[in-house]
């Protein structure tokens, strides 16, 4: 499962390399097209960001692990998020999108896709998904402070942060006590 997830992650902001012989006419490096990258983001949304409960069957895990399996899923989600949203990766995506042939996604489009998947699209707020929302915000805040990140990407992060604060403020007033507490914490994280 992890191997498939990491394979899909490499497609986001990916560059295709065509091996050539000397004298052969072709362009060796091209951005992976937007549609393929959007499919990869959609795959992650369905198979990783949505809690893969099939990997956490209580009847099975109760027989083999005393601490359960939630932390393993959350660690895989965090690892995937950090790989995609690393300073080096985001800067590389911006550079290759701007300077290589082919129409790949801009880093802003990837960030906005995550924002939509984590906060706009309706979904069950289970423990794993709440943790994912918190980790996305924490990672966005870390990126905003990193001096190595291209300032063009930082402007998108600032806009996302303001929108997250607005959403968290609104959602902290409705729902269950647990959901309210969750959104109060998100509101605190995104406060100016």
N, C-alpha and C. Protein backbone atom coordinates (compact mmCIF):
# COMPACT_ATOMS: atom_id res chain seq x y z
N UNK A 1 0.83 -1.19 0.00
CA UNK A 1 0.00 0.00 0.00
C UNK A 1 0.88 1.26 0.00
N UNK A 2 1.85 1.29 0.89
CA UNK A 2 2.76 2.44 0.99
C UNK A 2 3.50 2.66 -0.34
N UNK A 3 3.95 1.60 -0.96
CA UNK A 3 4.67 1.72 -2.23
C UNK A 3 3.80 2.37 -3.30
N UNK A 4 2.55 1.97 -3.39
CA UNK A 4 1.63 2.57 -4.37
C UNK A 4 1.42 4.05 -4.08
N UNK A 5 1.25 4.38 -2.81
CA UNK A 5 1.04 5.78 -2.43
C UNK A 5 2.24 6.62 -2.84
N UNK A 6 3.44 6.14 -2.55
CA UNK A 6 4.65 6.91 -2.89
C UNK A 6 4.84 7.02 -4.40
N UNK A 7 4.44 6.01 -5.13
CA UNK A 7 4.49 6.08 -6.60
C UNK A 7 3.59 7.20 -7.11
N UNK A 8 2.40 7.30 -6.55
CA UNK A 8 1.45 8.34 -6.95
C UNK A 8 1.98 9.72 -6.56
N UNK A 9 2.59 9.82 -5.39
CA UNK A 9 3.13 11.10 -4.93
C UNK A 9 4.15 11.65 -5.92
N UNK A 10 4.98 10.78 -6.49
CA UNK A 10 6.00 11.23 -7.45
C UNK A 10 5.39 11.82 -8.71
N UNK A 11 4.14 11.51 -8.98
CA UNK A 11 3.48 12.06 -10.17
C UNK A 11 3.08 13.53 -9.97
N UNK A 12 2.90 13.94 -8.74
CA UNK A 12 2.47 15.31 -8.46
C UNK A 12 3.66 16.23 -8.61
N UNK A 13 3.60 17.09 -9.61
CA UNK A 13 4.73 17.95 -9.94
C UNK A 13 5.82 17.20 -10.67
N UNK A 14 5.47 16.05 -11.21
CA UNK A 14 6.46 15.19 -11.84
C UNK A 14 6.95 15.67 -13.19
N UNK A 15 8.13 15.20 -13.55
CA UNK A 15 8.76 15.50 -14.83
C UNK A 15 9.06 14.18 -15.51
N UNK A 16 8.62 14.05 -16.77
CA UNK A 16 8.93 12.85 -17.56
C UNK A 16 10.29 13.02 -18.22
N UNK A 17 11.09 11.97 -18.15
CA UNK A 17 12.38 11.97 -18.83
C UNK A 17 12.34 10.94 -19.94
N UNK A 18 12.66 11.38 -21.16
CA UNK A 18 12.75 10.48 -22.30
C UNK A 18 14.22 10.22 -22.57
N UNK A 19 14.64 8.98 -22.43
CA UNK A 19 16.03 8.64 -22.70
C UNK A 19 16.28 8.66 -24.20
N UNK A 20 17.39 9.27 -24.59
CA UNK A 20 17.69 9.39 -26.02
C UNK A 20 19.14 9.02 -26.28
N UNK A 21 19.40 8.67 -27.52
CA UNK A 21 20.76 8.43 -27.97
C UNK A 21 21.31 9.71 -28.55
N UNK A 22 22.61 9.82 -28.60
CA UNK A 22 23.27 11.01 -29.15
C UNK A 22 22.79 11.25 -30.58
N UNK A 23 22.43 12.50 -30.86
CA UNK A 23 21.98 12.87 -32.19
C UNK A 23 20.48 12.71 -32.41
N UNK A 24 19.80 12.12 -31.48
CA UNK A 24 18.36 11.91 -31.61
C UNK A 24 17.63 13.21 -31.33
N UNK A 25 16.64 13.52 -32.14
CA UNK A 25 15.86 14.76 -31.98
C UNK A 25 14.66 14.50 -31.08
N UNK A 26 14.64 15.15 -29.93
CA UNK A 26 13.50 15.04 -29.03
C UNK A 26 13.76 15.96 -27.84
N UNK A 27 12.79 16.14 -27.03
CA UNK A 27 12.95 16.93 -25.80
C UNK A 27 12.99 15.94 -24.65
N UNK A 28 14.12 15.85 -23.95
CA UNK A 28 14.24 14.82 -22.91
C UNK A 28 13.41 15.08 -21.65
N UNK A 29 13.17 16.33 -21.29
CA UNK A 29 12.46 16.63 -20.04
C UNK A 29 11.19 17.42 -20.31
N UNK A 30 10.07 16.88 -19.84
CA UNK A 30 8.77 17.55 -19.99
C UNK A 30 7.99 17.38 -18.69
N UNK A 31 7.23 18.41 -18.33
CA UNK A 31 6.34 18.31 -17.18
C UNK A 31 5.28 17.25 -17.44
N UNK A 32 4.95 16.49 -16.41
CA UNK A 32 3.83 15.57 -16.49
C UNK A 32 2.57 16.43 -16.65
N UNK A 33 1.71 16.09 -17.59
CA UNK A 33 0.56 16.96 -17.88
C UNK A 33 -0.37 17.11 -16.67
N UNK A 34 -1.10 18.20 -16.68
CA UNK A 34 -1.99 18.56 -15.56
C UNK A 34 -3.01 17.47 -15.26
N UNK A 35 -3.57 16.88 -16.27
CA UNK A 35 -4.61 15.87 -16.05
C UNK A 35 -4.07 14.67 -15.27
N UNK A 36 -2.87 14.23 -15.61
CA UNK A 36 -2.28 13.10 -14.88
C UNK A 36 -2.01 13.48 -13.43
N UNK A 37 -1.56 14.72 -13.21
CA UNK A 37 -1.31 15.17 -11.85
C UNK A 37 -2.61 15.31 -11.06
N UNK A 38 -3.65 15.80 -11.70
CA UNK A 38 -4.95 15.91 -11.03
C UNK A 38 -5.51 14.53 -10.68
N UNK A 39 -5.28 13.56 -11.55
CA UNK A 39 -5.70 12.18 -11.25
C UNK A 39 -4.95 11.65 -10.03
N UNK A 40 -3.65 11.98 -9.95
CA UNK A 40 -2.85 11.54 -8.80
C UNK A 40 -3.38 12.18 -7.52
N UNK A 41 -3.71 13.46 -7.56
CA UNK A 41 -4.27 14.14 -6.39
C UNK A 41 -5.62 13.53 -6.00
N UNK A 42 -6.42 13.20 -7.00
CA UNK A 42 -7.72 12.58 -6.75
C UNK A 42 -7.55 11.19 -6.13
N UNK A 43 -6.56 10.44 -6.62
CA UNK A 43 -6.27 9.11 -6.07
C UNK A 43 -5.92 9.22 -4.59
N UNK A 44 -5.05 10.18 -4.25
CA UNK A 44 -4.68 10.37 -2.85
C UNK A 44 -5.90 10.76 -2.01
N UNK A 45 -6.76 11.58 -2.57
CA UNK A 45 -7.96 12.00 -1.84
C UNK A 45 -8.83 10.80 -1.50
N UNK A 46 -8.98 9.89 -2.44
CA UNK A 46 -9.84 8.73 -2.23
C UNK A 46 -9.16 7.66 -1.39
N UNK A 47 -7.89 7.40 -1.64
CA UNK A 47 -7.22 6.24 -1.04
C UNK A 47 -6.30 6.53 0.13
N UNK A 48 -6.03 7.81 0.41
CA UNK A 48 -5.17 8.11 1.55
C UNK A 48 -5.78 9.16 2.48
N UNK A 49 -6.23 10.27 1.93
CA UNK A 49 -6.78 11.32 2.80
C UNK A 49 -8.10 10.87 3.44
N UNK A 50 -8.93 10.18 2.67
CA UNK A 50 -10.12 9.57 3.27
C UNK A 50 -9.60 8.37 4.06
N UNK A 51 -9.87 8.34 5.33
CA UNK A 51 -9.30 7.31 6.20
C UNK A 51 -9.52 5.92 5.61
N UNK A 52 -8.44 5.20 5.32
CA UNK A 52 -8.58 3.84 4.76
C UNK A 52 -8.97 2.85 5.84
N UNK A 53 -10.24 2.84 6.17
CA UNK A 53 -10.73 2.01 7.28
C UNK A 53 -10.54 0.51 7.00
N UNK A 54 -10.42 0.14 5.74
CA UNK A 54 -10.19 -1.27 5.42
C UNK A 54 -8.84 -1.75 5.98
N UNK A 55 -7.95 -0.80 6.27
CA UNK A 55 -6.66 -1.17 6.87
C UNK A 55 -6.73 -1.24 8.39
N UNK A 56 -7.87 -0.84 8.95
CA UNK A 56 -8.00 -0.78 10.41
C UNK A 56 -9.20 -1.58 10.90
N UNK A 57 -9.34 -2.79 10.42
CA UNK A 57 -10.44 -3.63 10.85
C UNK A 57 -10.19 -4.07 12.29
N UNK A 58 -11.08 -3.68 13.18
CA UNK A 58 -10.91 -3.95 14.61
C UNK A 58 -10.73 -5.43 14.92
N UNK A 59 -11.51 -6.27 14.26
CA UNK A 59 -11.45 -7.71 14.54
C UNK A 59 -10.07 -8.28 14.22
N UNK A 60 -9.43 -7.78 13.19
CA UNK A 60 -8.11 -8.26 12.80
C UNK A 60 -7.01 -7.62 13.64
N UNK A 61 -7.03 -6.32 13.77
CA UNK A 61 -5.97 -5.61 14.49
C UNK A 61 -5.96 -5.99 15.97
N UNK A 62 -7.11 -6.27 16.54
CA UNK A 62 -7.17 -6.69 17.95
C UNK A 62 -6.42 -7.98 18.19
N UNK A 63 -6.20 -8.77 17.16
CA UNK A 63 -5.49 -10.03 17.28
C UNK A 63 -3.98 -9.86 17.16
N UNK A 64 -3.51 -8.76 16.58
CA UNK A 64 -2.08 -8.66 16.28
C UNK A 64 -1.35 -7.47 16.90
N UNK A 65 -2.06 -6.43 17.32
CA UNK A 65 -1.40 -5.25 17.88
C UNK A 65 -2.17 -4.71 19.06
N UNK A 66 -1.45 -4.41 20.13
CA UNK A 66 -2.15 -3.86 21.29
C UNK A 66 -2.41 -2.36 21.15
N UNK A 67 -1.58 -1.66 20.38
CA UNK A 67 -1.77 -0.21 20.26
C UNK A 67 -2.65 0.19 19.08
N UNK A 68 -3.13 -0.75 18.31
CA UNK A 68 -4.01 -0.43 17.20
C UNK A 68 -3.23 0.01 15.97
N UNK A 69 -3.94 0.48 14.96
CA UNK A 69 -3.31 0.83 13.69
C UNK A 69 -3.46 2.28 13.28
N UNK A 70 -4.16 3.08 14.08
CA UNK A 70 -4.42 4.47 13.70
C UNK A 70 -3.14 5.27 13.49
N UNK A 71 -2.18 5.11 14.36
CA UNK A 71 -0.95 5.90 14.28
C UNK A 71 -0.18 5.59 13.00
N UNK A 72 -0.23 4.33 12.54
CA UNK A 72 0.46 3.97 11.29
C UNK A 72 -0.17 4.69 10.10
N UNK A 73 -1.49 4.75 10.07
CA UNK A 73 -2.18 5.44 8.97
C UNK A 73 -1.86 6.94 9.03
N UNK A 74 -1.94 7.51 10.22
CA UNK A 74 -1.67 8.94 10.36
C UNK A 74 -0.22 9.27 10.00
N UNK A 75 0.71 8.39 10.33
CA UNK A 75 2.11 8.63 9.96
C UNK A 75 2.31 8.56 8.45
N UNK A 76 1.62 7.64 7.78
CA UNK A 76 1.70 7.56 6.33
C UNK A 76 1.11 8.83 5.70
N UNK A 77 -0.02 9.30 6.22
CA UNK A 77 -0.62 10.54 5.72
C UNK A 77 0.33 11.72 5.91
N UNK A 78 0.94 11.81 7.08
CA UNK A 78 1.88 12.90 7.36
C UNK A 78 3.10 12.82 6.45
N UNK A 79 3.63 11.64 6.28
CA UNK A 79 4.78 11.46 5.41
C UNK A 79 4.47 11.88 3.98
N UNK A 80 3.30 11.49 3.48
CA UNK A 80 2.90 11.87 2.12
C UNK A 80 2.74 13.38 2.01
N UNK A 81 2.09 13.98 2.98
CA UNK A 81 1.88 15.43 2.98
C UNK A 81 3.22 16.16 3.00
N UNK A 82 4.14 15.72 3.86
CA UNK A 82 5.45 16.37 3.95
C UNK A 82 6.29 16.19 2.69
N UNK A 83 6.17 15.05 2.03
CA UNK A 83 6.90 14.85 0.77
C UNK A 83 6.42 15.81 -0.30
N UNK A 84 5.12 15.96 -0.41
CA UNK A 84 4.57 16.84 -1.45
C UNK A 84 4.81 18.30 -1.09
N UNK A 85 4.62 18.64 0.18
CA UNK A 85 4.72 20.03 0.61
C UNK A 85 6.07 20.35 1.26
N UNK A 86 7.14 19.84 0.68
CA UNK A 86 8.47 20.22 1.16
C UNK A 86 8.92 21.45 0.39
N UNK A 87 9.79 22.22 1.00
CA UNK A 87 10.30 23.44 0.35
C UNK A 87 10.97 23.09 -0.97
N UNK A 88 11.83 22.09 -0.95
CA UNK A 88 12.53 21.70 -2.17
C UNK A 88 11.59 21.26 -3.27
N UNK A 89 10.59 20.47 -2.91
CA UNK A 89 9.64 19.98 -3.91
C UNK A 89 8.80 21.11 -4.49
N UNK A 90 8.28 21.98 -3.64
CA UNK A 90 7.45 23.08 -4.13
C UNK A 90 8.25 24.03 -5.01
N UNK A 91 9.49 24.34 -4.61
CA UNK A 91 10.34 25.21 -5.44
C UNK A 91 10.66 24.54 -6.77
N UNK A 92 10.92 23.21 -6.74
CA UNK A 92 11.20 22.48 -7.98
C UNK A 92 9.99 22.47 -8.90
N UNK A 93 8.81 22.28 -8.33
CA UNK A 93 7.58 22.27 -9.14
C UNK A 93 7.39 23.62 -9.82
N UNK A 94 7.60 24.70 -9.07
CA UNK A 94 7.46 26.04 -9.65
C UNK A 94 8.49 26.25 -10.76
N UNK A 95 9.73 25.85 -10.51
CA UNK A 95 10.79 26.02 -11.50
C UNK A 95 10.53 25.20 -12.76
N UNK A 96 10.18 23.93 -12.60
CA UNK A 96 9.95 23.09 -13.78
C UNK A 96 8.70 23.54 -14.54
N UNK A 97 7.66 23.96 -13.82
CA UNK A 97 6.43 24.44 -14.49
C UNK A 97 6.72 25.68 -15.31
N UNK A 98 7.62 26.52 -14.81
CA UNK A 98 7.93 27.79 -15.46
C UNK A 98 8.94 27.62 -16.60
N UNK A 99 9.85 26.66 -16.48
CA UNK A 99 10.97 26.61 -17.43
C UNK A 99 11.02 25.37 -18.32
N UNK A 100 10.25 24.34 -18.05
CA UNK A 100 10.27 23.14 -18.89
C UNK A 100 9.05 23.09 -19.80
N UNK A 101 9.17 22.31 -20.86
CA UNK A 101 8.06 22.11 -21.78
C UNK A 101 6.96 21.31 -21.07
N UNK A 102 5.76 21.45 -21.57
CA UNK A 102 4.63 20.74 -20.98
C UNK A 102 3.95 21.61 -19.94
N UNK A 103 2.67 21.33 -19.73
CA UNK A 103 1.88 22.14 -18.80
C UNK A 103 1.58 21.36 -17.55
N UNK A 104 2.44 21.49 -16.56
CA UNK A 104 2.19 20.84 -15.28
C UNK A 104 1.40 21.77 -14.37
N UNK A 105 1.19 21.34 -13.15
CA UNK A 105 0.48 22.16 -12.18
C UNK A 105 1.45 23.13 -11.51
N UNK A 106 0.94 24.30 -11.15
CA UNK A 106 1.69 25.24 -10.33
C UNK A 106 1.55 24.80 -8.87
N UNK A 107 2.49 25.16 -8.02
CA UNK A 107 2.37 24.82 -6.60
C UNK A 107 1.07 25.34 -5.97
N UNK A 108 0.62 26.53 -6.41
CA UNK A 108 -0.64 27.09 -5.88
C UNK A 108 -1.82 26.17 -6.15
N UNK A 109 -1.82 25.56 -7.33
CA UNK A 109 -2.92 24.67 -7.69
C UNK A 109 -2.92 23.42 -6.79
N UNK A 110 -1.74 22.94 -6.46
CA UNK A 110 -1.63 21.79 -5.57
C UNK A 110 -2.10 22.17 -4.17
N UNK A 111 -1.63 23.32 -3.67
CA UNK A 111 -2.05 23.80 -2.35
C UNK A 111 -3.56 24.01 -2.30
N UNK A 112 -4.12 24.61 -3.34
CA UNK A 112 -5.57 24.84 -3.38
C UNK A 112 -6.35 23.54 -3.47
N UNK A 113 -5.79 22.56 -4.16
CA UNK A 113 -6.44 21.25 -4.23
C UNK A 113 -6.51 20.62 -2.84
N UNK A 114 -5.40 20.70 -2.09
CA UNK A 114 -5.40 20.18 -0.72
C UNK A 114 -6.39 20.95 0.15
N UNK A 115 -6.39 22.25 0.03
CA UNK A 115 -7.33 23.07 0.80
C UNK A 115 -8.76 22.62 0.53
N UNK A 116 -9.11 22.44 -0.73
CA UNK A 116 -10.47 22.01 -1.09
C UNK A 116 -10.77 20.62 -0.56
N UNK A 117 -9.82 19.70 -0.70
CA UNK A 117 -10.04 18.33 -0.26
C UNK A 117 -10.17 18.24 1.26
N UNK A 118 -9.41 19.05 1.98
CA UNK A 118 -9.39 18.94 3.45
C UNK A 118 -10.44 19.80 4.15
N UNK A 119 -10.90 20.88 3.50
CA UNK A 119 -11.77 21.82 4.22
C UNK A 119 -13.07 22.17 3.50
N UNK A 120 -13.15 22.01 2.21
CA UNK A 120 -14.36 22.43 1.48
C UNK A 120 -15.25 21.23 1.17
N UNK A 121 -14.68 20.16 0.64
CA UNK A 121 -15.47 18.99 0.28
C UNK A 121 -16.02 18.34 1.55
N UNK A 122 -17.33 18.07 1.58
CA UNK A 122 -17.90 17.47 2.79
C UNK A 122 -17.33 16.07 3.02
N UNK A 123 -17.07 15.78 4.29
CA UNK A 123 -16.47 14.49 4.63
C UNK A 123 -16.67 14.25 6.11
N UNK A 124 -16.62 12.98 6.49
CA UNK A 124 -16.75 12.62 7.90
C UNK A 124 -15.50 13.07 8.65
N UNK A 125 -15.73 13.73 9.78
CA UNK A 125 -14.61 14.21 10.60
C UNK A 125 -14.22 13.13 11.62
N UNK A 126 -13.51 12.10 11.15
CA UNK A 126 -13.03 11.09 12.07
C UNK A 126 -11.68 11.54 12.65
N UNK A 127 -11.15 10.77 13.58
CA UNK A 127 -9.90 11.16 14.25
C UNK A 127 -8.75 11.34 13.28
N UNK A 128 -8.66 10.47 12.31
CA UNK A 128 -7.57 10.54 11.34
C UNK A 128 -7.68 11.79 10.47
N UNK A 129 -8.89 12.12 10.06
CA UNK A 129 -9.07 13.28 9.19
C UNK A 129 -8.86 14.58 9.97
N UNK A 130 -9.29 14.63 11.22
CA UNK A 130 -9.02 15.81 12.04
C UNK A 130 -7.52 16.03 12.17
N UNK A 131 -6.79 14.96 12.40
CA UNK A 131 -5.33 15.05 12.52
C UNK A 131 -4.73 15.54 11.21
N UNK A 132 -5.25 15.06 10.08
CA UNK A 132 -4.76 15.49 8.77
C UNK A 132 -4.99 16.99 8.57
N UNK A 133 -6.15 17.48 8.96
CA UNK A 133 -6.42 18.92 8.84
C UNK A 133 -5.43 19.74 9.68
N UNK A 134 -5.18 19.29 10.89
CA UNK A 134 -4.23 19.99 11.77
C UNK A 134 -2.84 19.96 11.16
N UNK A 135 -2.44 18.82 10.65
CA UNK A 135 -1.09 18.71 10.08
C UNK A 135 -0.93 19.54 8.82
N UNK A 136 -1.99 19.65 8.02
CA UNK A 136 -1.92 20.51 6.83
C UNK A 136 -1.70 21.96 7.25
N UNK A 137 -2.43 22.40 8.25
CA UNK A 137 -2.27 23.78 8.72
C UNK A 137 -0.88 23.98 9.31
N UNK A 138 -0.43 23.05 10.14
CA UNK A 138 0.91 23.17 10.73
C UNK A 138 1.99 23.22 9.65
N UNK A 139 1.85 22.37 8.63
CA UNK A 139 2.84 22.36 7.54
C UNK A 139 2.79 23.66 6.75
N UNK A 140 1.61 24.17 6.50
CA UNK A 140 1.47 25.45 5.78
C UNK A 140 2.12 26.58 6.55
N UNK A 141 1.94 26.59 7.87
CA UNK A 141 2.55 27.63 8.70
C UNK A 141 4.07 27.52 8.71
N UNK A 142 4.58 26.29 8.77
CA UNK A 142 6.03 26.08 8.70
C UNK A 142 6.59 26.58 7.38
N UNK A 143 5.90 26.27 6.29
CA UNK A 143 6.35 26.70 4.97
C UNK A 143 6.36 28.23 4.86
N UNK A 144 5.35 28.86 5.43
CA UNK A 144 5.26 30.33 5.38
C UNK A 144 6.46 30.99 6.03
N UNK A 145 7.02 30.34 7.06
CA UNK A 145 8.15 30.89 7.80
C UNK A 145 9.50 30.51 7.21
N UNK A 146 9.53 29.55 6.29
CA UNK A 146 10.79 29.06 5.76
C UNK A 146 11.36 30.05 4.74
N UNK A 147 12.57 30.53 5.00
CA UNK A 147 13.19 31.53 4.11
C UNK A 147 13.60 30.94 2.77
N UNK A 148 13.67 29.61 2.67
CA UNK A 148 14.06 28.98 1.41
C UNK A 148 12.93 28.84 0.42
N UNK A 149 11.70 29.02 0.87
CA UNK A 149 10.55 28.86 -0.03
C UNK A 149 10.39 30.10 -0.90
N UNK A 150 10.15 29.88 -2.17
CA UNK A 150 9.95 30.97 -3.11
C UNK A 150 8.81 31.87 -2.62
N UNK A 151 9.04 33.20 -2.56
CA UNK A 151 8.01 34.12 -2.06
C UNK A 151 6.69 34.05 -2.83
N UNK A 152 6.76 33.68 -4.09
CA UNK A 152 5.53 33.57 -4.90
C UNK A 152 4.60 32.51 -4.31
N UNK A 153 5.17 31.45 -3.76
CA UNK A 153 4.38 30.38 -3.16
C UNK A 153 3.85 30.84 -1.79
N UNK A 154 4.65 31.62 -1.08
CA UNK A 154 4.25 32.12 0.24
C UNK A 154 2.98 32.96 0.16
N UNK A 155 2.81 33.71 -0.92
CA UNK A 155 1.61 34.54 -1.05
C UNK A 155 0.35 33.67 -1.11
N UNK A 156 0.45 32.52 -1.77
CA UNK A 156 -0.69 31.59 -1.82
C UNK A 156 -0.96 30.99 -0.45
N UNK A 157 0.10 30.67 0.28
CA UNK A 157 -0.07 30.12 1.63
C UNK A 157 -0.76 31.12 2.55
N UNK A 158 -0.42 32.40 2.40
CA UNK A 158 -1.03 33.43 3.24
C UNK A 158 -2.53 33.54 2.96
N UNK A 159 -2.90 33.47 1.69
CA UNK A 159 -4.33 33.52 1.32
C UNK A 159 -5.07 32.30 1.88
N UNK A 160 -4.45 31.13 1.81
CA UNK A 160 -5.07 29.91 2.34
C UNK A 160 -5.23 30.03 3.85
N UNK A 161 -4.23 30.55 4.52
CA UNK A 161 -4.29 30.71 5.98
C UNK A 161 -5.48 31.59 6.38
N UNK A 162 -5.67 32.69 5.68
CA UNK A 162 -6.79 33.59 6.00
C UNK A 162 -8.14 32.90 5.78
N UNK A 163 -8.23 32.15 4.69
CA UNK A 163 -9.48 31.43 4.41
C UNK A 163 -9.73 30.32 5.43
N UNK A 164 -8.66 29.64 5.84
CA UNK A 164 -8.79 28.60 6.87
C UNK A 164 -9.28 29.20 8.19
N UNK A 165 -8.77 30.36 8.52
CA UNK A 165 -9.18 31.02 9.77
C UNK A 165 -10.68 31.36 9.71
N UNK A 166 -11.11 31.87 8.57
CA UNK A 166 -12.53 32.22 8.40
C UNK A 166 -13.41 30.97 8.54
N UNK A 167 -13.02 29.89 7.91
CA UNK A 167 -13.79 28.64 7.96
C UNK A 167 -13.81 28.09 9.39
N UNK A 168 -12.64 28.04 10.03
CA UNK A 168 -12.56 27.51 11.39
C UNK A 168 -13.40 28.33 12.36
N UNK A 169 -13.37 29.64 12.20
CA UNK A 169 -14.16 30.52 13.06
C UNK A 169 -15.66 30.22 12.92
N UNK A 170 -16.08 30.04 11.68
CA UNK A 170 -17.50 29.76 11.41
C UNK A 170 -17.90 28.37 11.93
N UNK A 171 -17.08 27.34 11.66
CA UNK A 171 -17.43 25.98 12.04
C UNK A 171 -17.26 25.71 13.53
N UNK A 172 -16.53 26.58 14.24
CA UNK A 172 -16.35 26.38 15.69
C UNK A 172 -17.61 26.69 16.48
N UNK A 173 -18.65 27.18 15.79
CA UNK A 173 -19.89 27.56 16.47
C UNK A 173 -20.99 26.52 16.30
N UNK A 174 -20.75 25.49 15.47
CA UNK A 174 -21.79 24.48 15.24
C UNK A 174 -21.20 23.08 15.33
N UNK A 175 -22.06 22.10 15.42
CA UNK A 175 -21.64 20.71 15.44
C UNK A 175 -21.53 20.15 16.85
N UNK A 176 -20.91 18.99 16.93
CA UNK A 176 -20.73 18.35 18.24
C UNK A 176 -19.68 19.10 19.04
N UNK A 177 -19.61 18.81 20.32
CA UNK A 177 -18.61 19.44 21.19
C UNK A 177 -17.19 19.13 20.68
N UNK A 178 -16.98 17.90 20.25
CA UNK A 178 -15.67 17.51 19.72
C UNK A 178 -15.30 18.27 18.46
N UNK A 179 -16.29 18.43 17.57
CA UNK A 179 -16.04 19.19 16.33
C UNK A 179 -15.78 20.67 16.63
N UNK A 180 -16.56 21.23 17.56
CA UNK A 180 -16.35 22.62 17.95
C UNK A 180 -14.94 22.82 18.51
N UNK A 181 -14.53 21.91 19.38
CA UNK A 181 -13.18 22.00 19.95
C UNK A 181 -12.10 21.90 18.87
N UNK A 182 -12.33 21.02 17.92
CA UNK A 182 -11.39 20.85 16.81
C UNK A 182 -11.25 22.17 16.04
N UNK A 183 -12.38 22.76 15.67
CA UNK A 183 -12.32 24.00 14.89
C UNK A 183 -11.84 25.19 15.71
N UNK A 184 -12.08 25.17 17.01
CA UNK A 184 -11.50 26.22 17.87
C UNK A 184 -9.97 26.14 17.84
N UNK A 185 -9.46 24.92 17.85
CA UNK A 185 -8.01 24.74 17.78
C UNK A 185 -7.47 25.19 16.41
N UNK A 186 -8.19 24.86 15.34
CA UNK A 186 -7.76 25.32 14.01
C UNK A 186 -7.79 26.85 13.92
N UNK A 187 -8.81 27.43 14.53
CA UNK A 187 -8.91 28.90 14.56
C UNK A 187 -7.71 29.50 15.30
N UNK A 188 -7.33 28.88 16.40
CA UNK A 188 -6.17 29.35 17.16
C UNK A 188 -4.89 29.23 16.34
N UNK A 189 -4.74 28.10 15.64
CA UNK A 189 -3.54 27.89 14.81
C UNK A 189 -3.40 28.94 13.71
N UNK A 190 -4.52 29.34 13.13
CA UNK A 190 -4.48 30.25 11.97
C UNK A 190 -4.64 31.72 12.34
N UNK A 191 -4.72 32.01 13.64
CA UNK A 191 -4.87 33.42 14.06
C UNK A 191 -3.63 34.20 13.64
N UNK A 192 -3.83 35.44 13.30
CA UNK A 192 -2.72 36.32 12.86
C UNK A 192 -1.68 36.48 13.91
